Amino acid sequence: MTETVPIAEAGLDLGALVSRAAHGDGRIALTDPQGHTAAVLLSPGALADLEDGRAYAEYQARRTAGTAETVPHESVRVRLLGDR
């Protein structure tokens, strides 16, 4: 769930907002005087999830287009474990 806070109010309580975003599951949208979202505070974990989702979607698009680069399992095994 996204909480909405006007930027003018956020400045007064920024530390607490950052703490809530960092330790919670939700997002905090900071809005400009017209009520439009200007920025969003979210936890590092939520950002990582978004970045992972984007990377996966980009990979799927490359795979569909036939341009995805893959590495055979055996090649990875040899690189990681040597030629055992």
Protein backbone atom coordinates (compact mmCIF):
# COMPACT_ATOMS: atom_id res chain seq x y z
CA MET A 1 0.00 0.00 0.00
CA THR A 2 1.24 3.49 -0.80
CA GLU A 3 1.01 6.23 1.77
CA THR A 4 0.86 9.78 0.37
CA VAL A 5 2.56 12.72 2.07
CA PRO A 6 2.86 16.30 0.73
CA ILE A 7 6.51 17.32 0.28
CA ALA A 8 5.96 20.38 2.49
CA GLU A 9 4.96 18.09 5.37
CA ALA A 10 7.60 15.46 4.63
CA GLY A 11 10.42 17.90 5.32
CA LEU A 12 9.26 18.27 8.89
CA ASP A 13 9.32 14.51 9.53
CA LEU A 14 11.73 13.16 6.89
CA GLY A 15 13.70 10.96 9.30
CA ALA A 16 10.60 9.15 10.48
CA LEU A 17 9.31 8.74 6.90
CA VAL A 18 12.62 7.28 5.75
CA SER A 19 12.65 4.91 8.71
CA ARG A 20 9.10 3.73 7.96
CA ALA A 21 9.95 3.19 4.29
CA ALA A 22 13.19 1.38 5.13
CA HIS A 23 11.60 -1.03 7.57
CA GLY A 24 8.12 -1.46 6.13
CA ASP A 25 6.59 -3.17 3.14
CA GLY A 26 4.78 -0.16 1.73
CA ARG A 27 5.81 2.88 -0.22
CA ILE A 28 5.58 6.52 0.71
CA ALA A 29 4.76 8.85 -2.17
CA LEU A 30 5.85 12.46 -1.78
CA THR A 31 3.51 14.81 -3.63
CA ASP A 32 4.05 18.29 -5.03
CA PRO A 33 1.70 21.20 -4.27
CA GLN A 34 -0.59 20.07 -7.12
CA GLY A 35 -0.93 16.62 -5.58
CA HIS A 36 1.19 14.82 -8.19
CA THR A 37 3.70 12.21 -7.05
CA ALA A 38 7.16 13.77 -7.22
CA ALA A 39 9.19 11.05 -5.51
CA VAL A 40 8.71 7.73 -3.73
CA LEU A 41 10.43 6.39 -0.63
CA LEU A 42 10.75 2.61 -0.47
CA SER A 43 12.88 0.07 1.30
CA PRO A 44 16.11 -1.23 -0.23
CA GLY A 45 14.48 -4.67 -0.44
CA ALA A 46 11.52 -3.31 -2.37
CA LEU A 47 13.89 -1.53 -4.76
CA ALA A 48 15.86 -4.75 -5.27
CA ASP A 49 12.61 -6.60 -6.04
CA LEU A 50 11.67 -3.97 -8.63
CA GLU A 51 15.12 -4.12 -10.22
CA ASP A 52 15.02 -7.93 -10.30
CA GLY A 53 11.59 -7.85 -11.93
CA ARG A 54 12.78 -5.39 -14.55
CA ALA A 55 15.90 -7.45 -15.29
CA TYR A 56 13.80 -10.60 -15.67
CA ALA A 57 11.33 -8.83 -17.99
CA GLU A 58 14.23 -7.55 -20.11
CA TYR A 59 15.70 -11.05 -20.27
CA GLN A 60 12.34 -12.51 -21.32
CA ALA A 61 12.05 -9.86 -24.05
CA ARG A 62 15.57 -10.72 -25.34
CA ARG A 63 14.73 -14.41 -25.17
CA THR A 64 11.52 -13.88 -27.15
CA ALA A 65 13.45 -11.82 -29.72
CA GLY A 66 16.12 -14.52 -29.93
CA THR A 67 18.88 -12.19 -28.75
CA ALA A 68 19.40 -13.55 -25.22
CA GLU A 69 22.93 -14.74 -24.53
CA THR A 70 23.12 -17.99 -22.60
CA VAL A 71 25.96 -19.99 -21.10
CA PRO A 72 25.86 -23.80 -21.12
CA HIS A 73 25.71 -25.40 -17.67
CA GLU A 74 28.92 -27.35 -18.25
CA SER A 75 30.82 -24.13 -19.01
CA VAL A 76 29.63 -22.57 -15.77
CA ARG A 77 30.55 -25.68 -13.79
CA VAL A 78 34.07 -25.70 -15.21
CA ARG A 79 34.53 -21.99 -14.52
CA LEU A 80 33.34 -22.35 -10.92
CA LEU A 81 34.79 -25.72 -9.97
CA GLY A 82 37.59 -26.23 -12.41
CA ASP A 83 37.97 -29.29 -14.58
CA ARG A 84 37.09 -31.91 -11.95
